[in-house]
Amino acid sequence: IVPATDFWRAEEYHQRYFDKHSGHYSCHFMRGWVPAEGEAAKQA
């Protein structure tokens, strides 16, 4: 792990995008199931 370098904040129209555009999907990967708590870590 290396120290962080310069941080470039995105333009204002990119900030809180999903709050401003709630009709859009929020995840590019849709699954038909939700893993039980702790199951996701077991699959990784």
Protein backbone atom coordinates (compact mmCIF):
# COMPACT_ATOMS: atom_id res chain seq x y z
CA ILE A 1 0.00 0.00 0.00
CA VAL A 2 1.32 3.41 -0.92
CA PRO A 3 0.33 6.84 0.37
CA ALA A 4 -2.46 8.63 -1.48
CA THR A 5 -1.49 11.27 -4.02
CA ASP A 6 -3.44 14.23 -5.40
CA PHE A 7 -7.21 13.92 -5.19
CA TRP A 8 -9.27 15.43 -8.00
CA ARG A 9 -12.87 16.02 -6.96
CA ALA A 10 -15.39 15.48 -9.76
CA GLU A 11 -17.52 18.31 -11.09
CA GLU A 12 -20.65 19.17 -9.11
CA TYR A 13 -22.99 17.48 -11.60
CA HIS A 14 -21.30 14.16 -10.79
CA GLN A 15 -21.78 14.52 -7.02
CA ARG A 16 -24.62 12.48 -5.41
CA TYR A 17 -25.60 11.24 -8.88
CA PHE A 18 -27.95 8.49 -7.71
CA ASP A 19 -29.72 10.83 -5.29
CA LYS A 20 -30.31 13.27 -8.15
CA HIS A 21 -31.23 10.59 -10.72
CA SER A 22 -33.19 8.06 -8.70
CA GLY A 23 -34.80 6.56 -11.81
CA HIS A 24 -31.48 5.13 -12.95
CA TYR A 25 -30.15 1.79 -11.81
CA SER A 26 -27.79 1.86 -8.86
CA CYS A 27 -25.71 -1.21 -9.59
CA HIS A 28 -24.29 -2.45 -12.87
CA PHE A 29 -24.49 -6.04 -11.65
CA MET A 30 -27.97 -7.21 -10.75
CA ARG A 31 -28.41 -10.52 -8.95
CA GLY A 32 -31.54 -12.45 -8.33
CA TRP A 33 -30.54 -13.24 -4.76
CA VAL A 34 -28.93 -11.55 -1.80
CA PRO A 35 -26.35 -13.56 0.15
CA ALA A 36 -27.05 -14.19 3.81
CA GLU A 37 -24.93 -12.15 6.20
CA GLY A 38 -21.37 -13.46 6.04
CA GLU A 39 -21.97 -15.52 2.89
CA ALA A 40 -20.43 -12.93 0.55
CA ALA A 41 -17.12 -13.13 2.41
CA LYS A 42 -17.10 -16.92 2.10
CA GLN A 43 -17.52 -16.68 -1.67
CA ALA A 44 -14.69 -14.16 -2.17
